[in-house]
Amino acid sequence: MATLFTAPDGRPRCHWCAATPAYQAYHDREWGFPVADDRRLFEKLSLEGFQAGLSWLTILNKRENFRAAFAGFDFDAVARFNEDDVLRLLQDTGIVRHRGKIEAVIHNARCAQEMVASEGSLATFFWRHVPVATPQAGPVSETAGSRALSRELKKRGWKFVGPTTVYSFMQAMGLVNDHAVGCAVRDEVEQARQGFRWK
């Protein structure tokens, strides 16, 4: 399978973003660029949990609805959600209405509070798990690094954080640079990662 496609602007990009303009915009502006903001880190891990069994495009198209439903992914606010909020969210047609996933986000918000109390920030914890080198052996769904991070999160009580979900999170938040070799955005992401500071 081809790893690159050439967009109408003449720039080569990762093949997966060819499907829709929304994918291409996400690929060019977000995917792989390093993130230190705790709210964005929590949001992404939550949305990756919702994606399990679905396509990322489904989640991306509903992202603004998720943000509205989950208080902008302010985990201090989400941690105060109760059963009434769960029932409200189960009636929200703008999001994925899966009780287990909804309850996991609320539960994980409380885990996020505990992590901030012990680590100082989510960024401090997550950026400790950057692999020594980005694997380039072709597309993979999980790595030793994502398995280790998944185990650590589960040990801390987090839910819906399997190694595949965690690897997607690592790719998106810049912990690894998985833009294909030759992709026009790969070097931009690498430069951003080289100059990145999360503290």
N, C-alpha and C. Protein backbone atom coordinates (compact mmCIF):
# COMPACT_ATOMS: atom_id res chain seq x y z
N MET A 1 0.85 -1.20 0.00
CA MET A 1 0.00 0.00 0.00
C MET A 1 0.88 1.25 0.00
N ALA A 2 0.52 2.24 -0.80
CA ALA A 2 1.29 3.48 -0.88
C ALA A 2 1.25 4.21 0.46
N THR A 3 2.37 4.83 0.80
CA THR A 3 2.43 5.57 2.07
C THR A 3 2.21 7.06 1.86
N LEU A 4 2.29 7.51 0.58
CA LEU A 4 2.14 8.93 0.29
C LEU A 4 1.11 9.15 -0.82
N PHE A 5 0.53 10.34 -0.84
CA PHE A 5 -0.24 10.77 -1.99
C PHE A 5 0.10 12.24 -2.25
N THR A 6 -0.07 12.66 -3.46
CA THR A 6 0.21 14.05 -3.80
C THR A 6 -1.11 14.80 -3.90
N ALA A 7 -1.24 15.81 -3.04
CA ALA A 7 -2.47 16.59 -2.99
C ALA A 7 -2.52 17.58 -4.16
N PRO A 8 -3.67 18.20 -4.39
CA PRO A 8 -3.77 19.17 -5.49
C PRO A 8 -2.77 20.32 -5.39
N ASP A 9 -2.30 20.62 -4.18
CA ASP A 9 -1.31 21.70 -4.05
C ASP A 9 0.10 21.23 -4.39
N GLY A 10 0.25 19.95 -4.78
CA GLY A 10 1.54 19.43 -5.19
C GLY A 10 2.41 18.90 -4.08
N ARG A 11 1.95 18.99 -2.82
CA ARG A 11 2.76 18.54 -1.69
C ARG A 11 2.43 17.08 -1.37
N PRO A 12 3.45 16.26 -1.18
CA PRO A 12 3.20 14.87 -0.77
C PRO A 12 2.79 14.81 0.70
N ARG A 13 1.84 13.95 0.98
CA ARG A 13 1.34 13.80 2.34
C ARG A 13 1.11 12.32 2.65
N CYS A 14 0.98 12.03 3.94
CA CYS A 14 0.65 10.67 4.36
C CYS A 14 -0.64 10.21 3.66
N HIS A 15 -0.63 8.99 3.16
CA HIS A 15 -1.74 8.50 2.34
C HIS A 15 -3.08 8.52 3.09
N TRP A 16 -3.05 8.29 4.42
CA TRP A 16 -4.30 8.16 5.17
C TRP A 16 -5.14 9.44 5.15
N CYS A 17 -4.51 10.59 4.92
CA CYS A 17 -5.28 11.84 4.99
C CYS A 17 -5.92 12.22 3.66
N ALA A 18 -5.79 11.35 2.65
CA ALA A 18 -6.36 11.66 1.33
C ALA A 18 -7.88 11.58 1.31
N ALA A 19 -8.47 10.92 2.30
CA ALA A 19 -9.90 10.61 2.25
C ALA A 19 -10.80 11.84 2.18
N THR A 20 -10.52 12.86 3.01
CA THR A 20 -11.39 14.03 3.07
C THR A 20 -10.58 15.28 3.36
N PRO A 21 -11.09 16.46 3.01
CA PRO A 21 -10.41 17.71 3.38
C PRO A 21 -10.24 17.86 4.89
N ALA A 22 -11.18 17.33 5.68
CA ALA A 22 -11.07 17.42 7.13
C ALA A 22 -9.86 16.64 7.63
N TYR A 23 -9.66 15.46 7.06
CA TYR A 23 -8.48 14.67 7.42
C TYR A 23 -7.19 15.41 7.06
N GLN A 24 -7.18 16.01 5.86
CA GLN A 24 -5.97 16.69 5.41
C GLN A 24 -5.65 17.88 6.31
N ALA A 25 -6.66 18.63 6.70
CA ALA A 25 -6.44 19.77 7.59
C ALA A 25 -5.92 19.30 8.94
N TYR A 26 -6.50 18.23 9.46
CA TYR A 26 -6.04 17.67 10.74
C TYR A 26 -4.60 17.19 10.62
N HIS A 27 -4.28 16.51 9.53
CA HIS A 27 -2.93 16.02 9.27
C HIS A 27 -1.93 17.17 9.21
N ASP A 28 -2.28 18.24 8.51
CA ASP A 28 -1.34 19.34 8.27
C ASP A 28 -1.13 20.22 9.49
N ARG A 29 -2.16 20.37 10.32
CA ARG A 29 -2.09 21.38 11.39
C ARG A 29 -1.97 20.80 12.80
N GLU A 30 -2.34 19.53 12.96
CA GLU A 30 -2.40 18.98 14.31
C GLU A 30 -1.60 17.69 14.50
N TRP A 31 -1.83 16.71 13.63
CA TRP A 31 -1.34 15.36 13.87
C TRP A 31 0.18 15.32 13.95
N GLY A 32 0.69 14.93 15.11
CA GLY A 32 2.12 14.80 15.29
C GLY A 32 2.82 16.00 15.88
N PHE A 33 2.17 17.17 15.85
CA PHE A 33 2.79 18.35 16.45
C PHE A 33 2.71 18.23 17.98
N PRO A 34 3.80 18.49 18.67
CA PRO A 34 3.85 18.23 20.12
C PRO A 34 2.91 19.14 20.91
N VAL A 35 2.29 18.56 21.92
CA VAL A 35 1.29 19.25 22.74
C VAL A 35 1.69 19.15 24.22
N ALA A 36 1.66 20.29 24.90
CA ALA A 36 1.96 20.31 26.33
C ALA A 36 0.75 20.70 27.17
N ASP A 37 -0.30 21.16 26.53
CA ASP A 37 -1.48 21.64 27.24
C ASP A 37 -2.26 20.46 27.83
N ASP A 38 -2.45 20.47 29.15
CA ASP A 38 -3.09 19.34 29.82
C ASP A 38 -4.51 19.10 29.33
N ARG A 39 -5.24 20.17 29.06
CA ARG A 39 -6.61 19.97 28.61
C ARG A 39 -6.64 19.27 27.25
N ARG A 40 -5.76 19.67 26.35
CA ARG A 40 -5.71 19.02 25.03
C ARG A 40 -5.25 17.57 25.14
N LEU A 41 -4.33 17.29 26.03
CA LEU A 41 -3.88 15.91 26.23
C LEU A 41 -5.03 15.05 26.75
N PHE A 42 -5.78 15.59 27.72
CA PHE A 42 -6.92 14.85 28.25
C PHE A 42 -7.99 14.66 27.18
N GLU A 43 -8.25 15.71 26.41
CA GLU A 43 -9.23 15.61 25.34
C GLU A 43 -8.86 14.51 24.36
N LYS A 44 -7.61 14.51 23.92
CA LYS A 44 -7.21 13.55 22.90
C LYS A 44 -7.29 12.11 23.40
N LEU A 45 -6.84 11.89 24.63
CA LEU A 45 -6.92 10.53 25.16
C LEU A 45 -8.38 10.11 25.32
N SER A 46 -9.24 11.03 25.70
CA SER A 46 -10.67 10.73 25.81
C SER A 46 -11.27 10.40 24.45
N LEU A 47 -10.95 11.21 23.45
CA LEU A 47 -11.51 10.97 22.11
C LEU A 47 -10.97 9.68 21.49
N GLU A 48 -9.71 9.36 21.78
CA GLU A 48 -9.18 8.09 21.29
C GLU A 48 -9.94 6.92 21.92
N GLY A 49 -10.33 7.06 23.18
CA GLY A 49 -11.15 6.03 23.82
C GLY A 49 -12.51 5.90 23.14
N PHE A 50 -13.10 7.03 22.77
CA PHE A 50 -14.38 6.98 22.06
C PHE A 50 -14.22 6.36 20.68
N GLN A 51 -13.05 6.53 20.07
CA GLN A 51 -12.85 6.01 18.72
C GLN A 51 -12.83 4.49 18.66
N ALA A 52 -12.49 3.83 19.75
CA ALA A 52 -12.35 2.36 19.74
C ALA A 52 -13.54 1.72 19.02
N GLY A 53 -13.25 0.99 17.95
CA GLY A 53 -14.29 0.34 17.17
C GLY A 53 -14.90 1.22 16.09
N LEU A 54 -14.46 2.47 15.99
CA LEU A 54 -15.01 3.42 15.01
C LEU A 54 -13.85 4.02 14.21
N SER A 55 -14.19 4.86 13.23
CA SER A 55 -13.14 5.55 12.49
C SER A 55 -12.83 6.88 13.17
N TRP A 56 -11.58 7.35 13.00
CA TRP A 56 -11.23 8.65 13.57
C TRP A 56 -12.04 9.76 12.91
N LEU A 57 -12.40 9.59 11.63
CA LEU A 57 -13.19 10.62 10.96
C LEU A 57 -14.53 10.82 11.66
N THR A 58 -15.14 9.74 12.13
CA THR A 58 -16.40 9.86 12.88
C THR A 58 -16.22 10.76 14.10
N ILE A 59 -15.12 10.54 14.82
CA ILE A 59 -14.86 11.32 16.03
C ILE A 59 -14.49 12.76 15.67
N LEU A 60 -13.65 12.92 14.65
CA LEU A 60 -13.23 14.26 14.24
C LEU A 60 -14.43 15.11 13.84
N ASN A 61 -15.37 14.51 13.12
CA ASN A 61 -16.57 15.24 12.70
C ASN A 61 -17.46 15.63 13.88
N LYS A 62 -17.34 14.91 14.98
CA LYS A 62 -18.16 15.19 16.16
C LYS A 62 -17.37 15.92 17.26
N ARG A 63 -16.13 16.30 16.97
CA ARG A 63 -15.26 16.82 18.02
C ARG A 63 -15.84 18.04 18.74
N GLU A 64 -16.39 18.97 18.00
CA GLU A 64 -16.95 20.16 18.65
C GLU A 64 -18.13 19.79 19.55
N ASN A 65 -18.91 18.79 19.13
CA ASN A 65 -20.02 18.32 19.97
C ASN A 65 -19.48 17.69 21.26
N PHE A 66 -18.41 16.90 21.14
CA PHE A 66 -17.79 16.32 22.33
C PHE A 66 -17.29 17.42 23.26
N ARG A 67 -16.67 18.44 22.71
CA ARG A 67 -16.15 19.53 23.54
C ARG A 67 -17.28 20.22 24.30
N ALA A 68 -18.39 20.45 23.62
CA ALA A 68 -19.54 21.08 24.28
C ALA A 68 -20.11 20.17 25.36
N ALA A 69 -20.16 18.88 25.08
CA ALA A 69 -20.76 17.92 26.02
C ALA A 69 -19.90 17.71 27.25
N PHE A 70 -18.58 17.79 27.09
CA PHE A 70 -17.66 17.49 28.19
C PHE A 70 -16.91 18.73 28.69
N ALA A 71 -17.61 19.85 28.74
CA ALA A 71 -17.08 21.08 29.37
C ALA A 71 -15.72 21.46 28.80
N GLY A 72 -15.56 21.32 27.48
CA GLY A 72 -14.30 21.66 26.86
C GLY A 72 -13.15 20.77 27.30
N PHE A 73 -13.49 19.61 27.85
CA PHE A 73 -12.51 18.65 28.40
C PHE A 73 -11.67 19.26 29.51
N ASP A 74 -12.29 20.17 30.25
CA ASP A 74 -11.70 20.64 31.51
C ASP A 74 -11.89 19.50 32.51
N PHE A 75 -10.82 18.78 32.81
CA PHE A 75 -11.01 17.57 33.60
C PHE A 75 -11.44 17.86 35.04
N ASP A 76 -11.17 19.05 35.55
CA ASP A 76 -11.69 19.39 36.88
C ASP A 76 -13.21 19.49 36.85
N ALA A 77 -13.75 20.05 35.76
CA ALA A 77 -15.20 20.13 35.61
C ALA A 77 -15.80 18.75 35.35
N VAL A 78 -15.17 17.98 34.47
CA VAL A 78 -15.70 16.66 34.13
C VAL A 78 -15.68 15.73 35.35
N ALA A 79 -14.70 15.90 36.20
CA ALA A 79 -14.60 15.05 37.40
C ALA A 79 -15.80 15.24 38.32
N ARG A 80 -16.51 16.34 38.19
CA ARG A 80 -17.69 16.60 39.03
C ARG A 80 -18.97 16.06 38.40
N PHE A 81 -18.89 15.50 37.18
CA PHE A 81 -20.08 14.93 36.55
C PHE A 81 -20.60 13.77 37.39
N ASN A 82 -21.93 13.61 37.37
CA ASN A 82 -22.56 12.54 38.14
C ASN A 82 -23.49 11.72 37.23
N GLU A 83 -24.30 10.88 37.82
CA GLU A 83 -25.18 10.02 37.04
C GLU A 83 -26.15 10.82 36.18
N ASP A 84 -26.60 11.97 36.67
CA ASP A 84 -27.48 12.81 35.85
C ASP A 84 -26.77 13.26 34.58
N ASP A 85 -25.48 13.56 34.70
CA ASP A 85 -24.71 13.96 33.52
C ASP A 85 -24.55 12.78 32.56
N VAL A 86 -24.34 11.59 33.10
CA VAL A 86 -24.24 10.40 32.25
C VAL A 86 -25.53 10.23 31.45
N LEU A 87 -26.67 10.35 32.13
CA LEU A 87 -27.96 10.21 31.45
C LEU A 87 -28.15 11.30 30.40
N ARG A 88 -27.74 12.52 30.74
CA ARG A 88 -27.82 13.63 29.77
C ARG A 88 -26.98 13.31 28.53
N LEU A 89 -25.76 12.82 28.74
CA LEU A 89 -24.87 12.54 27.62
C LEU A 89 -25.37 11.37 26.78
N LEU A 90 -26.04 10.43 27.41
CA LEU A 90 -26.60 9.30 26.67
C LEU A 90 -27.74 9.72 25.73
N GLN A 91 -28.29 10.92 25.96
CA GLN A 91 -29.34 11.45 25.09
C GLN A 91 -28.79 12.41 24.04
N ASP A 92 -27.48 12.69 24.08
CA ASP A 92 -26.87 13.67 23.19
C ASP A 92 -26.51 13.01 21.85
N THR A 93 -27.30 13.32 20.83
CA THR A 93 -27.09 12.68 19.52
C THR A 93 -25.84 13.21 18.80
N GLY A 94 -25.23 14.26 19.34
CA GLY A 94 -24.05 14.83 18.71
C GLY A 94 -22.76 14.09 19.04
N ILE A 95 -22.81 13.16 20.00
CA ILE A 95 -21.61 12.42 20.39
C ILE A 95 -21.86 10.92 20.21
N VAL A 96 -20.88 10.13 20.54
CA VAL A 96 -21.03 8.67 20.56
C VAL A 96 -21.65 8.29 21.89
N ARG A 97 -22.85 7.72 21.84
CA ARG A 97 -23.60 7.45 23.07
C ARG A 97 -23.33 6.02 23.55
N HIS A 98 -22.23 5.89 24.25
CA HIS A 98 -21.78 4.60 24.77
C HIS A 98 -21.53 4.79 26.26
N ARG A 99 -22.36 4.17 27.07
CA ARG A 99 -22.28 4.41 28.51
C ARG A 99 -20.87 4.13 29.06
N GLY A 100 -20.29 3.02 28.66
CA GLY A 100 -18.97 2.67 29.19
C GLY A 100 -17.92 3.71 28.87
N LYS A 101 -17.96 4.23 27.66
CA LYS A 101 -16.98 5.24 27.26
C LYS A 101 -17.24 6.58 27.95
N ILE A 102 -18.49 6.94 28.09
CA ILE A 102 -18.84 8.17 28.79
C ILE A 102 -18.39 8.09 30.25
N GLU A 103 -18.70 6.99 30.90
CA GLU A 103 -18.30 6.83 32.29
C GLU A 103 -16.78 6.78 32.43
N ALA A 104 -16.11 6.24 31.43
CA ALA A 104 -14.64 6.19 31.48
C ALA A 104 -14.05 7.59 31.44
N VAL A 105 -14.60 8.48 30.64
CA VAL A 105 -14.08 9.85 30.58
C VAL A 105 -14.23 10.53 31.93
N ILE A 106 -15.37 10.35 32.56
CA ILE A 106 -15.60 10.95 33.89
C ILE A 106 -14.63 10.35 34.91
N HIS A 107 -14.50 9.05 34.88
CA HIS A 107 -13.56 8.37 35.78
C HIS A 107 -12.13 8.84 35.52
N ASN A 108 -11.75 8.92 34.25
CA ASN A 108 -10.39 9.32 33.90
C ASN A 108 -10.11 10.78 34.27
N ALA A 109 -11.15 11.60 34.29
CA ALA A 109 -10.96 12.99 34.72
C ALA A 109 -10.49 13.02 36.18
N ARG A 110 -11.04 12.13 36.98
CA ARG A 110 -10.60 12.06 38.38
C ARG A 110 -9.18 11.50 38.47
N CYS A 111 -8.86 10.56 37.61
CA CYS A 111 -7.49 10.05 37.55
C CYS A 111 -6.53 11.15 37.11
N ALA A 112 -6.98 12.00 36.19
CA ALA A 112 -6.15 13.12 35.72
C ALA A 112 -5.86 14.08 36.87
N GLN A 113 -6.86 14.34 37.69
CA GLN A 113 -6.64 15.20 38.86
C GLN A 113 -5.58 14.61 39.78
N GLU A 114 -5.66 13.31 40.00
CA GLU A 114 -4.68 12.64 40.85
C GLU A 114 -3.28 12.71 40.22
N MET A 115 -3.23 12.57 38.90
CA MET A 115 -1.93 12.63 38.23
C MET A 115 -1.32 14.01 38.34
N VAL A 116 -2.12 15.04 38.17
CA VAL A 116 -1.61 16.41 38.31
C VAL A 116 -1.12 16.65 39.72
N ALA A 117 -1.83 16.13 40.70
CA ALA A 117 -1.42 16.30 42.10
C ALA A 117 -0.08 15.62 42.37
N SER A 118 0.16 14.47 41.73
CA SER A 118 1.39 13.73 42.00
C SER A 118 2.54 14.10 41.07
N GLU A 119 2.22 14.48 39.83
CA GLU A 119 3.27 14.72 38.83
C GLU A 119 3.49 16.19 38.53
N GLY A 120 2.52 17.03 38.86
CA GLY A 120 2.60 18.45 38.53
C GLY A 120 1.78 18.80 37.31
N SER A 121 1.70 17.90 36.35
CA SER A 121 0.90 18.11 35.14
C SER A 121 0.79 16.79 34.39
N LEU A 122 -0.21 16.71 33.50
CA LEU A 122 -0.30 15.55 32.63
C LEU A 122 0.88 15.52 31.66
N ALA A 123 1.27 16.70 31.19
CA ALA A 123 2.38 16.78 30.24
C ALA A 123 3.66 16.18 30.83
N THR A 124 3.93 16.48 32.08
CA THR A 124 5.14 15.95 32.72
C THR A 124 5.13 14.43 32.69
N PHE A 125 3.97 13.85 32.99
CA PHE A 125 3.86 12.38 32.96
C PHE A 125 4.00 11.85 31.54
N PHE A 126 3.22 12.36 30.60
CA PHE A 126 3.21 11.76 29.27
C PHE A 126 4.53 11.94 28.54
N TRP A 127 5.16 13.10 28.69
CA TRP A 127 6.39 13.34 27.95
C TRP A 127 7.59 12.61 28.54
N ARG A 128 7.39 11.95 29.67
CA ARG A 128 8.41 11.04 30.18
C ARG A 128 8.44 9.74 29.38
N HIS A 129 7.43 9.52 28.58
CA HIS A 129 7.27 8.25 27.85
C HIS A 129 7.60 8.38 26.36
N VAL A 130 8.40 9.35 26.00
CA VAL A 130 8.82 9.48 24.60
C VAL A 130 9.80 8.35 24.28
N PRO A 131 9.55 7.57 23.23
CA PRO A 131 10.50 6.51 22.87
C PRO A 131 11.85 7.11 22.47
N VAL A 132 12.88 6.31 22.58
CA VAL A 132 14.23 6.76 22.21
C VAL A 132 14.27 7.10 20.72
N ALA A 133 13.63 6.29 19.89
CA ALA A 133 13.60 6.55 18.46
C ALA A 133 12.23 6.17 17.91
N THR A 134 11.80 6.87 16.86
CA THR A 134 10.53 6.56 16.21
C THR A 134 10.72 5.38 15.27
N PRO A 135 9.96 4.30 15.44
CA PRO A 135 10.11 3.16 14.52
C PRO A 135 9.68 3.51 13.11
N GLN A 136 10.39 3.03 12.12
CA GLN A 136 10.05 3.31 10.72
C GLN A 136 9.89 2.02 9.92
N ALA A 137 9.48 0.96 10.56
CA ALA A 137 9.34 -0.34 9.90
C ALA A 137 7.99 -0.49 9.21
N GLY A 138 7.29 0.61 9.01
CA GLY A 138 5.97 0.55 8.39
C GLY A 138 4.89 0.78 9.43
N PRO A 139 3.65 0.90 8.99
CA PRO A 139 2.54 1.20 9.90
C PRO A 139 2.39 0.12 10.98
N VAL A 140 2.23 0.55 12.20
CA VAL A 140 1.97 -0.36 13.31
C VAL A 140 0.81 0.18 14.13
N SER A 141 0.18 -0.68 14.90
CA SER A 141 -0.96 -0.24 15.72
C SER A 141 -0.58 -0.07 17.18
N GLU A 142 0.57 -0.65 17.58
CA GLU A 142 1.05 -0.47 18.94
C GLU A 142 2.54 -0.74 18.95
N THR A 143 3.20 -0.29 20.00
CA THR A 143 4.64 -0.47 20.13
C THR A 143 4.95 -0.85 21.58
N ALA A 144 6.21 -1.19 21.83
CA ALA A 144 6.62 -1.47 23.20
C ALA A 144 6.37 -0.24 24.08
N GLY A 145 6.60 0.94 23.51
CA GLY A 145 6.37 2.18 24.27
C GLY A 145 4.91 2.38 24.62
N SER A 146 4.02 2.11 23.67
CA SER A 146 2.59 2.30 23.96
C SER A 146 2.09 1.23 24.92
N ARG A 147 2.67 0.03 24.85
CA ARG A 147 2.27 -1.01 25.80
C ARG A 147 2.71 -0.63 27.23
N ALA A 148 3.91 -0.08 27.34
CA ALA A 148 4.40 0.34 28.66
C ALA A 148 3.57 1.48 29.22
N LEU A 149 3.23 2.46 28.37
CA LEU A 149 2.42 3.59 28.83
C LEU A 149 1.01 3.13 29.18
N SER A 150 0.45 2.23 28.39
CA SER A 150 -0.87 1.68 28.68
C SER A 150 -0.87 0.99 30.04
N ARG A 151 0.15 0.17 30.30
CA ARG A 151 0.23 -0.51 31.60
C ARG A 151 0.30 0.48 32.75
N GLU A 152 1.08 1.53 32.57
CA GLU A 152 1.23 2.53 33.64
C GLU A 152 -0.07 3.27 33.88
N LEU A 153 -0.77 3.63 32.82
CA LEU A 153 -2.06 4.31 32.98
C LEU A 153 -3.07 3.39 33.68
N LYS A 154 -3.12 2.14 33.27
CA LYS A 154 -4.06 1.20 33.90
C LYS A 154 -3.72 1.00 35.38
N LYS A 155 -2.44 0.98 35.68
CA LYS A 155 -2.02 0.83 37.08
C LYS A 155 -2.50 2.02 37.91
N ARG A 156 -2.60 3.17 37.26
CA ARG A 156 -3.08 4.38 37.93
C ARG A 156 -4.60 4.50 37.87
N GLY A 157 -5.26 3.48 37.31
CA GLY A 157 -6.72 3.44 37.34
C GLY A 157 -7.43 3.91 36.08
N TRP A 158 -6.71 4.36 35.06
CA TRP A 158 -7.34 4.87 33.85
C TRP A 158 -8.03 3.73 33.09
N LYS A 159 -9.10 4.08 32.36
CA LYS A 159 -9.87 3.11 31.58
C LYS A 159 -9.88 3.48 30.10
N PHE A 160 -10.12 2.47 29.26
CA PHE A 160 -10.13 2.63 27.81
C PHE A 160 -8.79 3.19 27.32
N VAL A 161 -7.71 2.64 27.84
CA VAL A 161 -6.37 3.09 27.48
C VAL A 161 -5.51 1.88 27.09
N GLY A 162 -6.02 1.05 26.19
CA GLY A 162 -5.24 -0.07 25.69
C GLY A 162 -4.07 0.42 24.84
N PRO A 163 -3.13 -0.46 24.52
CA PRO A 163 -1.92 -0.04 23.80
C PRO A 163 -2.16 0.55 22.42
N THR A 164 -3.21 0.11 21.72
CA THR A 164 -3.52 0.69 20.41
C THR A 164 -4.07 2.10 20.56
N THR A 165 -4.98 2.27 21.51
CA THR A 165 -5.51 3.60 21.80
C THR A 165 -4.39 4.54 22.22
N VAL A 166 -3.51 4.05 23.07
CA VAL A 166 -2.42 4.88 23.57
C VAL A 166 -1.44 5.22 22.45
N TYR A 167 -1.20 4.27 21.53
CA TYR A 167 -0.29 4.60 20.44
C TYR A 167 -0.87 5.67 19.52
N SER A 168 -2.16 5.61 19.25
CA SER A 168 -2.81 6.66 18.46
C SER A 168 -2.67 8.01 19.14
N PHE A 169 -2.81 8.02 20.45
CA PHE A 169 -2.60 9.24 21.24
C PHE A 169 -1.16 9.73 21.10
N MET A 170 -0.19 8.84 21.21
CA MET A 170 1.22 9.22 21.10
C MET A 170 1.53 9.80 19.72
N GLN A 171 0.96 9.21 18.68
CA GLN A 171 1.16 9.72 17.32
C GLN A 171 0.57 11.13 17.19
N ALA A 172 -0.63 11.31 17.67
CA ALA A 172 -1.33 12.57 17.48
C ALA A 172 -0.72 13.71 18.29
N MET A 173 -0.25 13.41 19.49
CA MET A 173 0.24 14.45 20.39
C MET A 173 1.74 14.71 20.25
N GLY A 174 2.39 14.03 19.29
CA GLY A 174 3.77 14.33 18.99
C GLY A 174 4.80 13.56 19.79
N LEU A 175 4.38 12.60 20.60
CA LEU A 175 5.36 11.81 21.34
C LEU A 175 6.19 10.96 20.39
N VAL A 176 5.63 10.65 19.22
CA VAL A 176 6.38 10.04 18.12
C VAL A 176 6.04 10.83 16.86
N ASN A 177 6.93 10.78 15.89
CA ASN A 177 6.67 11.39 14.59
C ASN A 177 6.45 10.27 13.60
N ASP A 178 5.19 9.96 13.33
CA ASP A 178 4.86 8.87 12.42
C ASP A 178 4.39 9.36 11.05
N HIS A 179 4.68 10.62 10.72
CA HIS A 179 4.47 11.03 9.34
C HIS A 179 5.41 10.22 8.45
N ALA A 180 4.89 9.76 7.34
CA ALA A 180 5.69 8.92 6.45
C ALA A 180 6.91 9.67 5.95
N VAL A 181 7.99 8.93 5.73
CA VAL A 181 9.18 9.52 5.13
C VAL A 181 8.80 10.06 3.75
N GLY A 182 9.09 11.33 3.51
CA GLY A 182 8.71 11.98 2.27
C GLY A 182 7.49 12.86 2.40
N CYS A 183 6.73 12.70 3.49
CA CYS A 183 5.58 13.57 3.73
C CYS A 183 6.08 15.00 3.98
N ALA A 184 5.41 15.98 3.37
CA ALA A 184 5.83 17.37 3.49
C ALA A 184 5.75 17.89 4.92
N VAL A 185 4.93 17.27 5.74
CA VAL A 185 4.74 17.75 7.11
C VAL A 185 5.72 17.10 8.08
N ARG A 186 6.35 16.01 7.67
CA ARG A 186 7.24 15.28 8.59
C ARG A 186 8.34 16.17 9.17
N ASP A 187 9.03 16.93 8.31
CA ASP A 187 10.12 17.77 8.79
C ASP A 187 9.59 18.90 9.68
N GLU A 188 8.42 19.43 9.36
CA GLU A 188 7.82 20.47 10.21
C GLU A 188 7.57 19.94 11.61
N VAL A 189 7.04 18.73 11.68
CA VAL A 189 6.78 18.11 12.98
C VAL A 189 8.08 17.85 13.72
N GLU A 190 9.09 17.37 13.00
CA GLU A 190 10.36 17.07 13.66
C GLU A 190 11.01 18.34 14.22
N GLN A 191 10.93 19.42 13.47
CA GLN A 191 11.46 20.70 13.97
C GLN A 191 10.70 21.15 15.21
N ALA A 192 9.38 21.01 15.18
CA ALA A 192 8.58 21.38 16.34
C ALA A 192 8.93 20.53 17.55
N ARG A 193 9.17 19.25 17.32
CA ARG A 193 9.53 18.35 18.42
C ARG A 193 10.91 18.69 18.98
N GLN A 194 11.85 19.04 18.11
CA GLN A 194 13.20 19.36 18.56
C GLN A 194 13.21 20.58 19.47
N GLY A 195 12.37 21.56 19.17
CA GLY A 195 12.35 22.77 19.99
C GLY A 195 11.31 22.75 21.09
N PHE A 196 10.68 21.62 21.30
CA PHE A 196 9.54 21.54 22.22
C PHE A 196 9.98 21.45 23.67
N ARG A 197 9.32 22.21 24.53
CA ARG A 197 9.51 22.12 25.98
C ARG A 197 8.14 22.03 26.62
N TRP A 198 7.98 21.06 27.51
CA TRP A 198 6.67 20.87 28.13
C TRP A 198 6.62 21.40 29.54
N LYS A 199 7.70 21.88 30.08
CA LYS A 199 7.70 22.40 31.46
C LYS A 199 7.76 23.92 31.44
